[in-house]
């Protein structure tokens, strides 16, 4: 490691005096703050695109290991949810679409277990 002397700042008579930092000015609105509007739970902006009572058609296709095992077209206004063959939580919203048990189509027990876990 090499230590070098600091550069010579020049004669003391040429020293530059630091400028004082400007003080932030207070805005008159800070003295009388306006209350924030009541921001309740905001509505989903996509909800405006949906017309109540309109039928929505969904095409559901399931593949296990690249082979199609299920295909169904369903119309349901409240949406859908994909579930496994076991009895799931019926209190969740959406029409439950039960996908086929992977044991019917798959022979690899590891993959079968993984697919059941995902479902």
C-alpha atoms as a PDB file:
ATOM      1  CA  UNK A   1       0.000   0.000   0.000  1.00  0.00           C
ATOM      2  CA  UNK A   2       1.379   3.431  -0.906  1.00  0.00           C
ATOM      3  CA  UNK A   3       0.353   6.529   0.979  1.00  0.00           C
ATOM      4  CA  UNK A   4       0.520   9.767  -0.974  1.00  0.00           C
ATOM      5  CA  UNK A   5       0.209  13.275   0.428  1.00  0.00           C
ATOM      6  CA  UNK A   6      -3.059  15.103  -0.077  1.00  0.00           C
ATOM      7  CA  UNK A   7      -3.051  17.640  -2.903  1.00  0.00           C
ATOM      8  CA  UNK A   8      -2.217  21.185  -1.876  1.00  0.00           C
ATOM      9  CA  UNK A   9      -5.482  23.178  -1.616  1.00  0.00           C
ATOM     10  CA  UNK A  10      -3.624  26.393  -2.427  1.00  0.00           C
ATOM     11  CA  UNK A  11      -2.947  29.432  -0.307  1.00  0.00           C
ATOM     12  CA  UNK A  12      -5.295  29.965   2.643  1.00  0.00           C
ATOM     13  CA  UNK A  13      -6.387  33.334   1.244  1.00  0.00           C
ATOM     14  CA  UNK A  14      -8.062  31.593  -1.724  1.00  0.00           C
ATOM     15  CA  UNK A  15     -10.161  29.247   0.366  1.00  0.00           C
ATOM     16  CA  UNK A  16     -13.738  29.005  -0.802  1.00  0.00           C
ATOM     17  CA  UNK A  17     -16.351  29.559   1.859  1.00  0.00           C
ATOM     18  CA  UNK A  18     -19.122  26.968   1.731  1.00  0.00           C
ATOM     19  CA  UNK A  19     -22.502  28.310   0.739  1.00  0.00           C
ATOM     20  CA  UNK A  20     -25.196  27.962   3.380  1.00  0.00           C
ATOM     21  CA  UNK A  21     -27.804  25.333   2.647  1.00  0.00           C
ATOM     22  CA  UNK A  22     -31.127  26.856   1.641  1.00  0.00           C
ATOM     23  CA  UNK A  23     -33.804  26.392   4.261  1.00  0.00           C
ATOM     24  CA  UNK A  24     -36.937  24.660   3.020  1.00  0.00           C
ATOM     25  CA  UNK A  25     -39.853  27.021   2.814  1.00  0.00           C
ATOM     26  CA  UNK A  26     -43.087  25.921   4.324  1.00  0.00           C
ATOM     27  CA  UNK A  27     -46.127  25.999   2.158  1.00  0.00           C
ATOM     28  CA  UNK A  28     -49.168  27.817   3.523  1.00  0.00           C
ATOM     29  CA  UNK A  29     -51.176  24.657   2.921  1.00  0.00           C
ATOM     30  CA  UNK A  30     -49.108  22.858   5.566  1.00  0.00           C
ATOM     31  CA  UNK A  31     -50.491  25.170   8.229  1.00  0.00           C
ATOM     32  CA  UNK A  32     -54.059  24.117   7.396  1.00  0.00           C
ATOM     33  CA  UNK A  33     -53.825  20.575   6.079  1.00  0.00           C
ATOM     34  CA  UNK A  34     -56.838  19.334   4.177  1.00  0.00           C
ATOM     35  CA  UNK A  35     -58.214  16.000   5.341  1.00  0.00           C
ATOM     36  CA  UNK A  36     -57.651  13.028   3.075  1.00  0.00           C
ATOM     37  CA  UNK A  37     -60.743  11.654   1.368  1.00  0.00           C
ATOM     38  CA  UNK A  38     -62.085   8.428   2.786  1.00  0.00           C
ATOM     39  CA  UNK A  39     -60.387   5.789   0.673  1.00  0.00           C
ATOM     40  CA  UNK A  40     -62.461   2.696   1.313  1.00  0.00           C
ATOM     41  CA  UNK A  41     -61.880  -0.585  -0.468  1.00  0.00           C
ATOM     42  CA  UNK A  42     -61.581   0.216  -4.144  1.00  0.00           C
ATOM     43  CA  UNK A  43     -63.682  -1.594  -6.698  1.00  0.00           C
ATOM     44  CA  UNK A  44     -61.970  -3.791  -9.250  1.00  0.00           C
ATOM     45  CA  UNK A  45     -61.712  -1.681 -12.442  1.00  0.00           C
ATOM     46  CA  UNK A  46     -62.356  -4.759 -14.581  1.00  0.00           C
ATOM     47  CA  UNK A  47     -65.733  -5.231 -12.929  1.00  0.00           C
ATOM     48  CA  UNK A  48     -67.133  -2.417 -15.082  1.00  0.00           C
ATOM     49  CA  UNK A  49     -66.470  -4.542 -18.161  1.00  0.00           C
ATOM     50  CA  UNK A  50     -68.701  -7.339 -16.894  1.00  0.00           C
ATOM     51  CA  UNK A  51     -72.406  -7.092 -17.485  1.00  0.00           C
ATOM     52  CA  UNK A  52     -74.407  -8.682 -14.645  1.00  0.00           C
ATOM     53  CA  UNK A  53     -76.246 -11.773 -15.746  1.00  0.00           C
ATOM     54  CA  UNK A  54     -74.207 -12.104 -18.919  1.00  0.00           C
ATOM     55  CA  UNK A  55     -73.322 -15.668 -19.814  1.00  0.00           C
ATOM     56  CA  UNK A  56     -69.651 -16.484 -20.051  1.00  0.00           C
ATOM     57  CA  UNK A  57     -68.517 -19.529 -21.949  1.00  0.00           C
ATOM     58  CA  UNK A  58     -65.313 -21.282 -20.916  1.00  0.00           C
ATOM     59  CA  UNK A  59     -63.534 -24.072 -22.727  1.00  0.00           C
ATOM     60  CA  UNK A  60     -61.519 -26.203 -20.320  1.00  0.00           C
ATOM     61  CA  UNK A  61     -58.975 -28.673 -21.671  1.00  0.00           C
ATOM     62  CA  UNK A  62     -56.674 -30.707 -19.404  1.00  0.00           C
ATOM     63  CA  UNK A  63     -53.542 -32.547 -20.472  1.00  0.00           C
ATOM     64  CA  UNK A  64     -51.621 -35.089 -18.394  1.00  0.00           C
ATOM     65  CA  UNK A  65     -48.101 -35.722 -19.719  1.00  0.00           C
ATOM     66  CA  UNK A  66     -49.006 -34.202 -23.086  1.00  0.00           C
ATOM     67  CA  UNK A  67     -52.126 -36.335 -23.575  1.00  0.00           C
ATOM     68  CA  UNK A  68     -55.540 -34.702 -23.585  1.00  0.00           C
ATOM     69  CA  UNK A  69     -57.650 -36.259 -20.835  1.00  0.00           C
ATOM     70  CA  UNK A  70     -60.492 -33.773 -20.489  1.00  0.00           C
ATOM     71  CA  UNK A  71     -62.337 -31.175 -22.538  1.00  0.00           C
ATOM     72  CA  UNK A  72     -65.552 -29.397 -21.680  1.00  0.00           C
ATOM     73  CA  UNK A  73     -67.261 -26.154 -22.641  1.00  0.00           C
ATOM     74  CA  UNK A  74     -69.320 -24.618 -19.870  1.00  0.00           C
ATOM     75  CA  UNK A  75     -71.400 -21.455 -19.546  1.00  0.00           C
ATOM     76  CA  UNK A  76     -71.452 -19.938 -16.103  1.00  0.00           C
ATOM     77  CA  UNK A  77     -71.883 -16.263 -15.181  1.00  0.00           C
ATOM     78  CA  UNK A  78     -70.124 -16.490 -11.819  1.00  0.00           C
ATOM     79  CA  UNK A  79     -66.884 -17.953 -13.187  1.00  0.00           C
ATOM     80  CA  UNK A  80     -65.329 -21.330 -12.581  1.00  0.00           C
ATOM     81  CA  UNK A  81     -62.621 -23.041 -10.584  1.00  0.00           C
ATOM     82  CA  UNK A  82     -60.691 -26.202 -11.354  1.00  0.00           C
ATOM     83  CA  UNK A  83     -60.760 -28.890  -8.664  1.00  0.00           C
ATOM     84  CA  UNK A  84     -59.413 -32.394  -8.253  1.00  0.00           C
ATOM     85  CA  UNK A  85     -61.495 -35.535  -7.885  1.00  0.00           C
ATOM     86  CA  UNK A  86     -61.459 -35.252  -4.072  1.00  0.00           C
ATOM     87  CA  UNK A  87     -64.255 -33.306  -2.410  1.00  0.00           C
ATOM     88  CA  UNK A  88     -63.013 -29.716  -2.120  1.00  0.00           C
ATOM     89  CA  UNK A  89     -64.199 -26.610  -0.355  1.00  0.00           C
ATOM     90  CA  UNK A  90     -67.683 -25.956  -1.712  1.00  0.00           C
ATOM     91  CA  UNK A  91     -67.849 -22.501  -0.110  1.00  0.00           C
ATOM     92  CA  UNK A  92     -65.399 -20.995  -2.612  1.00  0.00           C
ATOM     93  CA  UNK A  93     -66.891 -18.902  -5.423  1.00  0.00           C
ATOM     94  CA  UNK A  94     -67.175 -20.182  -8.969  1.00  0.00           C
ATOM     95  CA  UNK A  95     -68.566 -23.287 -10.578  1.00  0.00           C
ATOM     96  CA  UNK A  96     -66.344 -26.279  -9.701  1.00  0.00           C
ATOM     97  CA  UNK A  97     -64.984 -28.170 -12.715  1.00  0.00           C
ATOM     98  CA  UNK A  98     -63.743 -31.580 -11.560  1.00  0.00           C
ATOM     99  CA  UNK A  99     -60.703 -32.713 -13.503  1.00  0.00           C
ATOM    100  CA  UNK A 100     -60.159 -36.457 -14.012  1.00  0.00           C
ATOM    101  CA  UNK A 101     -58.181 -38.454 -11.485  1.00  0.00           C
ATOM    102  CA  UNK A 102     -54.590 -38.723 -12.754  1.00  0.00           C
ATOM    103  CA  UNK A 103     -54.485 -42.402 -11.723  1.00  0.00           C
ATOM    104  CA  UNK A 104     -56.782 -43.275 -14.621  1.00  0.00           C
ATOM    105  CA  UNK A 105     -54.440 -41.860 -17.286  1.00  0.00           C
ATOM    106  CA  UNK A 106     -50.977 -41.953 -15.733  1.00  0.00           C
ATOM    107  CA  UNK A 107     -48.807 -44.966 -14.951  1.00  0.00           C
ATOM    108  CA  UNK A 108     -45.817 -43.127 -13.436  1.00  0.00           C
ATOM    109  CA  UNK A 109     -46.550 -43.007  -9.694  1.00  0.00           C
ATOM    110  CA  UNK A 110     -44.274 -40.010  -9.139  1.00  0.00           C
ATOM    111  CA  UNK A 111     -46.025 -37.926 -11.763  1.00  0.00           C
ATOM    112  CA  UNK A 112     -49.405 -39.183 -10.568  1.00  0.00           C
ATOM    113  CA  UNK A 113     -48.597 -38.033  -7.026  1.00  0.00           C
ATOM    114  CA  UNK A 114     -47.394 -34.660  -8.271  1.00  0.00           C
ATOM    115  CA  UNK A 115     -50.538 -34.037 -10.357  1.00  0.00           C
ATOM    116  CA  UNK A 116     -52.774 -35.022  -7.430  1.00  0.00           C
ATOM    117  CA  UNK A 117     -50.847 -32.629  -5.204  1.00  0.00           C
ATOM    118  CA  UNK A 118     -51.327 -29.765  -7.685  1.00  0.00           C
ATOM    119  CA  UNK A 119     -55.033 -30.501  -8.007  1.00  0.00           C
END
